[in-house]
Amino acid sequence: NAVDIASLLSELEDKELALAFRLIPKEEAAEVFANMNN
């Protein structure tokens, strides 16, 4: 789920975060991004 992905990515280091985000399915990326912290 997009919310769970955002929660998982919040525990990653910055370098890993950028890499992992680029692997998210395109149709779900915007929703994951909207659920991330500032």
All heavy atoms as atom14 arrays in JSON, in Angstrom:
{
  "sequence": "NAVDIASLLSELEDKELALAFRLIPKEEAAEVFANMNN",
  "atom14_mask": [
    [1, 1, 1, 1, 1, 1, 1, 1, 0, 0, 0, 0, 0, 0],
    [1, 1, 1, 1, 1, 0, 0, 0, 0, 0, 0, 0, 0, 0],
    [1, 1, 1, 1, 1, 1, 1, 0, 0, 0, 0, 0, 0, 0],
    [1, 1, 1, 1, 1, 1, 1, 1, 0, 0, 0, 0, 0, 0],
    [1, 1, 1, 1, 1, 1, 1, 1, 0, 0, 0, 0, 0, 0],
    [1, 1, 1, 1, 1, 0, 0, 0, 0, 0, 0, 0, 0, 0],
    [1, 1, 1, 1, 1, 1, 0, 0, 0, 0, 0, 0, 0, 0],
    [1, 1, 1, 1, 1, 1, 1, 1, 0, 0, 0, 0, 0, 0],
    [1, 1, 1, 1, 1, 1, 1, 1, 0, 0, 0, 0, 0, 0],
    [1, 1, 1, 1, 1, 1, 0, 0, 0, 0, 0, 0, 0, 0],
    [1, 1, 1, 1, 1, 1, 1, 1, 1, 0, 0, 0, 0, 0],
    [1, 1, 1, 1, 1, 1, 1, 1, 0, 0, 0, 0, 0, 0],
    [1, 1, 1, 1, 1, 1, 1, 1, 1, 0, 0, 0, 0, 0],
    [1, 1, 1, 1, 1, 1, 1, 1, 0, 0, 0, 0, 0, 0],
    [1, 1, 1, 1, 1, 1, 1, 1, 1, 0, 0, 0, 0, 0],
    [1, 1, 1, 1, 1, 1, 1, 1, 1, 0, 0, 0, 0, 0],
    [1, 1, 1, 1, 1, 1, 1, 1, 0, 0, 0, 0, 0, 0],
    [1, 1, 1, 1, 1, 0, 0, 0, 0, 0, 0, 0, 0, 0],
    [1, 1, 1, 1, 1, 1, 1, 1, 0, 0, 0, 0, 0, 0],
    [1, 1, 1, 1, 1, 0, 0, 0, 0, 0, 0, 0, 0, 0],
    [1, 1, 1, 1, 1, 1, 1, 1, 1, 1, 1, 0, 0, 0],
    [1, 1, 1, 1, 1, 1, 1, 1, 1, 1, 1, 0, 0, 0],
    [1, 1, 1, 1, 1, 1, 1, 1, 0, 0, 0, 0, 0, 0],
    [1, 1, 1, 1, 1, 1, 1, 1, 0, 0, 0, 0, 0, 0],
    [1, 1, 1, 1, 1, 1, 1, 0, 0, 0, 0, 0, 0, 0],
    [1, 1, 1, 1, 1, 1, 1, 1, 1, 0, 0, 0, 0, 0],
    [1, 1, 1, 1, 1, 1, 1, 1, 1, 0, 0, 0, 0, 0],
    [1, 1, 1, 1, 1, 1, 1, 1, 1, 0, 0, 0, 0, 0],
    [1, 1, 1, 1, 1, 0, 0, 0, 0, 0, 0, 0, 0, 0],
    [1, 1, 1, 1, 1, 0, 0, 0, 0, 0, 0, 0, 0, 0],
    [1, 1, 1, 1, 1, 1, 1, 1, 1, 0, 0, 0, 0, 0],
    [1, 1, 1, 1, 1, 1, 1, 0, 0, 0, 0, 0, 0, 0],
    [1, 1, 1, 1, 1, 1, 1, 1, 1, 1, 1, 0, 0, 0],
    [1, 1, 1, 1, 1, 0, 0, 0, 0, 0, 0, 0, 0, 0],
    [1, 1, 1, 1, 1, 1, 1, 1, 0, 0, 0, 0, 0, 0],
    [1, 1, 1, 1, 1, 1, 1, 1, 0, 0, 0, 0, 0, 0],
    [1, 1, 1, 1, 1, 1, 1, 1, 0, 0, 0, 0, 0, 0],
    [1, 1, 1, 1, 1, 1, 1, 1, 0, 0, 0, 0, 0, 0]
  ],
  "atom14_positions": [
    [[0.84, -1.19, 0.0], [0.0, 0.0, 0.0], [0.88, 1.25, 0.0], [1.98, 1.25, 0.56], [-0.9, -0.03, 1.25], [-1.81, 1.17, 1.35], [-1.4, 2.23, 1.81], [-3.04, 1.0, 0.91], [0.0, 0.0, 0.0], [0.0, 0.0, 0.0], [0.0, 0.0, 0.0], [0.0, 0.0, 0.0], [0.0, 0.0, 0.0], [0.0, 0.0, 0.0]],
    [[0.4, 2.33, -0.62], [1.18, 3.57, -0.73], [1.59, 4.12, 0.63], [2.73, 4.59, 0.81], [0.38, 4.63, -1.49], [0.0, 0.0, 0.0], [0.0, 0.0, 0.0], [0.0, 0.0, 0.0], [0.0, 0.0, 0.0], [0.0, 0.0, 0.0], [0.0, 0.0, 0.0], [0.0, 0.0, 0.0], [0.0, 0.0, 0.0], [0.0, 0.0, 0.0]],
    [[0.71, 4.04, 1.6], [1.02, 4.54, 2.95], [2.11, 3.7, 3.59], [3.03, 4.22, 4.24], [-0.25, 4.53, 3.84], [0.09, 4.96, 5.26], [-1.32, 5.44, 3.26], [0.0, 0.0, 0.0], [0.0, 0.0, 0.0], [0.0, 0.0, 0.0], [0.0, 0.0, 0.0], [0.0, 0.0, 0.0], [0.0, 0.0, 0.0], [0.0, 0.0, 0.0]],
    [[2.03, 2.37, 3.4], [3.05, 1.48, 3.97], [4.4, 1.68, 3.29], [5.45, 1.6, 3.94], [2.61, 0.01, 3.81], [1.38, -0.3, 4.65], [1.21, 0.34, 5.7], [0.59, -1.19, 4.25], [0.0, 0.0, 0.0], [0.0, 0.0, 0.0], [0.0, 0.0, 0.0], [0.0, 0.0, 0.0], [0.0, 0.0, 0.0], [0.0, 0.0, 0.0]],
    [[4.39, 1.96, 1.99], [5.64, 2.22, 1.28], [6.29, 3.49, 1.84], [7.5, 3.52, 2.11], [5.4, 2.39, -0.24], [4.91, 1.07, -0.85], [6.69, 2.83, -0.94], [4.53, 1.17, -2.33], [0.0, 0.0, 0.0], [0.0, 0.0, 0.0], [0.0, 0.0, 0.0], [0.0, 0.0, 0.0], [0.0, 0.0, 0.0], [0.0, 0.0, 0.0]],
    [[5.49, 4.54, 2.03], [6.02, 5.8, 2.58], [6.61, 5.57, 3.96], [7.66, 6.12, 4.31], [4.91, 6.84, 2.64], [0.0, 0.0, 0.0], [0.0, 0.0, 0.0], [0.0, 0.0, 0.0], [0.0, 0.0, 0.0], [0.0, 0.0, 0.0], [0.0, 0.0, 0.0], [0.0, 0.0, 0.0], [0.0, 0.0, 0.0], [0.0, 0.0, 0.0]],
    [[5.93, 4.75, 4.78], [6.42, 4.44, 6.12], [7.74, 3.68, 6.07], [8.66, 3.95, 6.84], [5.36, 3.61, 6.88], [5.82, 3.27, 8.16], [0.0, 0.0, 0.0], [0.0, 0.0, 0.0], [0.0, 0.0, 0.0], [0.0, 0.0, 0.0], [0.0, 0.0, 0.0], [0.0, 0.0, 0.0], [0.0, 0.0, 0.0], [0.0, 0.0, 0.0]],
    [[7.84, 2.71, 5.14], [9.07, 1.93, 4.98], [10.21, 2.82, 4.52], [11.33, 2.76, 5.05], [8.84, 0.8, 3.97], [10.06, -0.05, 3.59], [10.62, -0.78, 4.82], [9.7, -1.06, 2.5], [0.0, 0.0, 0.0], [0.0, 0.0, 0.0], [0.0, 0.0, 0.0], [0.0, 0.0, 0.0], [0.0, 0.0, 0.0], [0.0, 0.0, 0.0]],
    [[9.95, 3.68, 3.56], [10.99, 4.55, 3.02], [11.48, 5.58, 4.04], [12.6, 6.07, 3.95], [10.47, 5.27, 1.76], [10.79, 4.61, 0.4], [10.33, 3.16, 0.38], [10.17, 5.39, -0.74], [0.0, 0.0, 0.0], [0.0, 0.0, 0.0], [0.0, 0.0, 0.0], [0.0, 0.0, 0.0], [0.0, 0.0, 0.0], [0.0, 0.0, 0.0]],
    [[10.62, 5.91, 5.02], [11.01, 6.89, 6.04], [12.14, 6.37, 6.93], [12.81, 7.14, 7.62], [9.81, 7.26, 6.91], [9.41, 6.17, 7.71], [0.0, 0.0, 0.0], [0.0, 0.0, 0.0], [0.0, 0.0, 0.0], [0.0, 0.0, 0.0], [0.0, 0.0, 0.0], [0.0, 0.0, 0.0], [0.0, 0.0, 0.0], [0.0, 0.0, 0.0]],
    [[12.37, 5.07, 6.91], [13.42, 4.46, 7.74], [14.74, 4.33, 6.99], [15.74, 3.87, 7.54], [12.97, 3.08, 8.23], [11.7, 3.11, 9.08], [11.3, 1.73, 9.56], [12.19, 0.9, 9.78], [10.09, 1.48, 9.7], [0.0, 0.0, 0.0], [0.0, 0.0, 0.0], [0.0, 0.0, 0.0], [0.0, 0.0, 0.0], [0.0, 0.0, 0.0]],
    [[14.77, 4.71, 5.71], [15.97, 4.56, 4.9], [16.86, 5.8, 4.98], [16.41, 6.89, 5.28], [15.59, 4.31, 3.44], [14.68, 3.1, 3.14], [14.44, 3.0, 1.64], [15.28, 1.81, 3.67], [0.0, 0.0, 0.0], [0.0, 0.0, 0.0], [0.0, 0.0, 0.0], [0.0, 0.0, 0.0], [0.0, 0.0, 0.0], [0.0, 0.0, 0.0]],
    [[18.14, 5.6, 4.66], [19.06, 6.72, 4.51], [18.7, 7.48, 3.23], [18.06, 6.93, 2.33], [20.5, 6.22, 4.43], [20.97, 5.45, 5.66], [21.03, 6.34, 6.9], [21.26, 7.56, 6.73], [20.83, 5.82, 8.01], [0.0, 0.0, 0.0], [0.0, 0.0, 0.0], [0.0, 0.0, 0.0], [0.0, 0.0, 0.0], [0.0, 0.0, 0.0]],
    [[19.17, 8.73, 3.12], [18.81, 9.56, 1.97], [19.15, 8.91, 0.64], [18.35, 8.91, -0.3], [19.51, 10.93, 2.08], [18.85, 11.81, 3.13], [17.73, 11.46, 3.56], [19.44, 12.83, 3.52], [0.0, 0.0, 0.0], [0.0, 0.0, 0.0], [0.0, 0.0, 0.0], [0.0, 0.0, 0.0], [0.0, 0.0, 0.0], [0.0, 0.0, 0.0]],
    [[20.37, 8.36, 0.54], [20.8, 7.76, -0.73], [19.9, 6.58, -1.11], [19.51, 6.42, -2.27], [22.25, 7.3, -0.6], [22.86, 6.83, -1.9], [24.32, 6.47, -1.72], [24.91, 5.95, -3.02], [26.33, 5.54, -2.85], [0.0, 0.0, 0.0], [0.0, 0.0, 0.0], [0.0, 0.0, 0.0], [0.0, 0.0, 0.0], [0.0, 0.0, 0.0]],
    [[19.56, 5.77, -0.11], [18.69, 4.61, -0.35], [17.27, 5.06, -0.68], [16.58, 4.44, -1.48], [18.68, 3.7, 0.88], [20.05, 3.09, 1.19], [20.12, 2.55, 2.61], [19.2, 2.86, 3.41], [21.09, 1.84, 2.92], [0.0, 0.0, 0.0], [0.0, 0.0, 0.0], [0.0, 0.0, 0.0], [0.0, 0.0, 0.0], [0.0, 0.0, 0.0]],
    [[16.84, 6.18, -0.06], [15.5, 6.71, -0.29], [15.3, 7.08, -1.76], [14.3, 6.7, -2.39], [15.26, 7.94, 0.6], [14.03, 8.79, 0.3], [12.75, 7.98, 0.51], [14.0, 10.03, 1.18], [0.0, 0.0, 0.0], [0.0, 0.0, 0.0], [0.0, 0.0, 0.0], [0.0, 0.0, 0.0], [0.0, 0.0, 0.0], [0.0, 0.0, 0.0]],
    [[16.25, 7.82, -2.33], [16.14, 8.24, -3.73], [16.1, 7.04, -4.66], [15.32, 7.0, -5.61], [17.3, 9.15, -4.08], [0.0, 0.0, 0.0], [0.0, 0.0, 0.0], [0.0, 0.0, 0.0], [0.0, 0.0, 0.0], [0.0, 0.0, 0.0], [0.0, 0.0, 0.0], [0.0, 0.0, 0.0], [0.0, 0.0, 0.0], [0.0, 0.0, 0.0]],
    [[16.95, 6.03, -4.37], [16.99, 4.84, -5.21], [15.69, 4.05, -5.12], [15.12, 3.64, -6.14], [18.17, 3.96, -4.76], [18.37, 2.63, -5.52], [18.56, 2.89, -7.01], [19.56, 1.87, -4.95], [0.0, 0.0, 0.0], [0.0, 0.0, 0.0], [0.0, 0.0, 0.0], [0.0, 0.0, 0.0], [0.0, 0.0, 0.0], [0.0, 0.0, 0.0]],
    [[15.19, 3.86, -3.89], [13.96, 3.09, -3.69], [12.76, 3.78, -4.33], [11.89, 3.13, -4.92], [13.71, 2.87, -2.2], [0.0, 0.0, 0.0], [0.0, 0.0, 0.0], [0.0, 0.0, 0.0], [0.0, 0.0, 0.0], [0.0, 0.0, 0.0], [0.0, 0.0, 0.0], [0.0, 0.0, 0.0], [0.0, 0.0, 0.0], [0.0, 0.0, 0.0]],
    [[12.69, 5.12, -4.22], [11.55, 5.84, -4.78], [11.47, 5.66, -6.29], [10.38, 5.58, -6.85], [11.64, 7.33, -4.43], [10.4, 8.09, -4.8], [9.31, 8.12, -3.94], [10.3, 8.76, -6.01], [8.15, 8.8, -4.27], [9.15, 9.45, -6.35], [8.07, 9.46, -5.48], [0.0, 0.0, 0.0], [0.0, 0.0, 0.0], [0.0, 0.0, 0.0]],
    [[12.61, 5.61, -6.94], [12.62, 5.46, -8.4], [12.15, 4.06, -8.83], [11.85, 3.85, -10.01], [14.02, 5.74, -8.94], [14.4, 7.22, -8.86], [15.74, 7.49, -9.53], [15.96, 8.93, -9.68], [16.76, 9.66, -8.89], [17.4, 9.07, -7.88], [16.91, 10.95, -9.1], [0.0, 0.0, 0.0], [0.0, 0.0, 0.0], [0.0, 0.0, 0.0]],
    [[12.08, 3.12, -7.89], [11.63, 1.76, -8.21], [10.13, 1.56, -7.95], [9.58, 0.5, -8.25], [12.43, 0.75, -7.39], [13.94, 0.7, -7.67], [14.64, -0.2, -6.67], [14.21, 0.25, -9.09], [0.0, 0.0, 0.0], [0.0, 0.0, 0.0], [0.0, 0.0, 0.0], [0.0, 0.0, 0.0], [0.0, 0.0, 0.0], [0.0, 0.0, 0.0]],
    [[9.49, 2.59, -7.39], [8.04, 2.5, -7.12], [7.3, 2.56, -8.45], [7.66, 3.35, -9.33], [7.59, 3.66, -6.21], [8.28, 3.57, -4.84], [6.07, 3.66, -6.03], [8.06, 4.78, -3.97], [0.0, 0.0, 0.0], [0.0, 0.0, 0.0], [0.0, 0.0, 0.0], [0.0, 0.0, 0.0], [0.0, 0.0, 0.0], [0.0, 0.0, 0.0]],
    [[6.23, 1.74, -8.62], [5.44, 1.81, -9.86], [4.99, 3.24, -10.13], [4.55, 3.95, -9.21], [4.25, 0.9, -9.56], [4.75, -0.04, -8.52], [5.74, 0.73, -7.7], [0.0, 0.0, 0.0], [0.0, 0.0, 0.0], [0.0, 0.0, 0.0], [0.0, 0.0, 0.0], [0.0, 0.0, 0.0], [0.0, 0.0, 0.0], [0.0, 0.0, 0.0]],
    [[5.1, 3.69, -11.37], [4.83, 5.08, -11.74], [3.44, 5.53, -11.3], [3.26, 6.64, -10.81], [4.98, 5.25, -13.25], [4.81, 6.7, -13.71], [4.99, 6.82, -15.21], [4.81, 8.27, -15.67], [3.5, 8.82, -15.39], [0.0, 0.0, 0.0], [0.0, 0.0, 0.0], [0.0, 0.0, 0.0], [0.0, 0.0, 0.0], [0.0, 0.0, 0.0]],
    [[2.44, 4.64, -11.45], [1.07, 5.03, -11.13], [0.86, 5.22, -9.63], [-0.14, 5.79, -9.19], [0.07, 4.0, -11.68], [0.2, 2.59, -11.12], [1.24, 1.73, -11.86], [1.98, 2.29, -12.7], [1.3, 0.53, -11.58], [0.0, 0.0, 0.0], [0.0, 0.0, 0.0], [0.0, 0.0, 0.0], [0.0, 0.0, 0.0], [0.0, 0.0, 0.0]],
    [[1.79, 4.73, -8.8], [1.64, 4.84, -7.35], [2.6, 5.85, -6.73], [2.46, 6.21, -5.57], [1.86, 3.46, -6.71], [1.16, 3.29, -5.39], [1.15, 1.85, -4.91], [1.81, 1.0, -5.52], [0.46, 1.59, -3.91], [0.0, 0.0, 0.0], [0.0, 0.0, 0.0], [0.0, 0.0, 0.0], [0.0, 0.0, 0.0], [0.0, 0.0, 0.0]],
    [[3.57, 6.31, -7.52], [4.62, 7.17, -6.98], [4.08, 8.46, -6.37], [4.52, 8.89, -5.3], [5.64, 7.5, -8.08], [0.0, 0.0, 0.0], [0.0, 0.0, 0.0], [0.0, 0.0, 0.0], [0.0, 0.0, 0.0], [0.0, 0.0, 0.0], [0.0, 0.0, 0.0], [0.0, 0.0, 0.0], [0.0, 0.0, 0.0], [0.0, 0.0, 0.0]],
    [[3.12, 9.1, -7.04], [2.59, 10.38, -6.55], [1.89, 10.2, -5.21], [2.03, 11.03, -4.31], [1.62, 10.97, -7.57], [0.0, 0.0, 0.0], [0.0, 0.0, 0.0], [0.0, 0.0, 0.0], [0.0, 0.0, 0.0], [0.0, 0.0, 0.0], [0.0, 0.0, 0.0], [0.0, 0.0, 0.0], [0.0, 0.0, 0.0], [0.0, 0.0, 0.0]],
    [[1.14, 9.1, -5.05], [0.43, 8.87, -3.79], [1.41, 8.57, -2.65], [1.21, 9.03, -1.52], [-0.55, 7.7, -3.94], [-1.49, 7.57, -2.76], [-2.54, 6.49, -2.94], [-2.64, 5.93, -4.05], [-3.24, 6.2, -1.96], [0.0, 0.0, 0.0], [0.0, 0.0, 0.0], [0.0, 0.0, 0.0], [0.0, 0.0, 0.0], [0.0, 0.0, 0.0]],
    [[2.47, 7.82, -2.96], [3.51, 7.57, -1.96], [4.16, 8.89, -1.54], [4.34, 9.16, -0.35], [4.58, 6.59, -2.5], [5.75, 6.47, -1.51], [3.98, 5.23, -2.77], [0.0, 0.0, 0.0], [0.0, 0.0, 0.0], [0.0, 0.0, 0.0], [0.0, 0.0, 0.0], [0.0, 0.0, 0.0], [0.0, 0.0, 0.0], [0.0, 0.0, 0.0]],
    [[4.49, 9.72, -2.52], [5.12, 11.01, -2.26], [4.24, 11.88, -1.36], [4.72, 12.54, -0.44], [5.41, 11.73, -3.58], [6.18, 13.0, -3.43], [7.56, 12.98, -3.33], [5.53, 14.23, -3.39], [8.28, 14.17, -3.2], [6.23, 15.41, -3.25], [7.62, 15.38, -3.16], [0.0, 0.0, 0.0], [0.0, 0.0, 0.0], [0.0, 0.0, 0.0]],
    [[2.93, 11.88, -1.62], [1.99, 12.7, -0.84], [1.92, 12.26, 0.62], [1.58, 13.05, 1.5], [0.6, 12.63, -1.46], [0.0, 0.0, 0.0], [0.0, 0.0, 0.0], [0.0, 0.0, 0.0], [0.0, 0.0, 0.0], [0.0, 0.0, 0.0], [0.0, 0.0, 0.0], [0.0, 0.0, 0.0], [0.0, 0.0, 0.0], [0.0, 0.0, 0.0]],
    [[2.27, 10.99, 0.89], [2.21, 10.46, 2.26], [3.54, 10.56, 3.0], [3.64, 10.12, 4.14], [1.75, 9.0, 2.24], [0.25, 8.87, 2.05], [-0.53, 9.12, 2.96], [-0.16, 8.5, 0.84], [0.0, 0.0, 0.0], [0.0, 0.0, 0.0], [0.0, 0.0, 0.0], [0.0, 0.0, 0.0], [0.0, 0.0, 0.0], [0.0, 0.0, 0.0]],
    [[4.55, 11.14, 2.35], [5.86, 11.3, 3.0], [5.9, 12.54, 3.87], [5.11, 13.47, 3.69], [6.96, 11.4, 1.93], [7.23, 10.11, 1.18], [8.49, 10.37, -0.09], [8.83, 8.67, -0.54], [0.0, 0.0, 0.0], [0.0, 0.0, 0.0], [0.0, 0.0, 0.0], [0.0, 0.0, 0.0], [0.0, 0.0, 0.0], [0.0, 0.0, 0.0]],
    [[6.86, 12.56, 4.81], [7.01, 13.75, 5.64], [7.78, 14.83, 4.86], [8.35, 14.57, 3.8], [7.68, 13.43, 6.98], [9.07, 12.85, 6.81], [9.87, 13.33, 6.01], [9.38, 11.8, 7.55], [0.0, 0.0, 0.0], [0.0, 0.0, 0.0], [0.0, 0.0, 0.0], [0.0, 0.0, 0.0], [0.0, 0.0, 0.0], [0.0, 0.0, 0.0]],
    [[7.82, 16.04, 5.42], [8.39, 17.19, 4.7], [9.86, 17.03, 4.35], [10.29, 17.42, 3.26], [8.21, 18.47, 5.55], [6.75, 18.76, 5.81], [5.89, 18.38, 5.03], [6.46, 19.43, 6.91], [0.0, 0.0, 0.0], [0.0, 0.0, 0.0], [0.0, 0.0, 0.0], [0.0, 0.0, 0.0], [0.0, 0.0, 0.0], [0.0, 0.0, 0.0]]
  ]
}
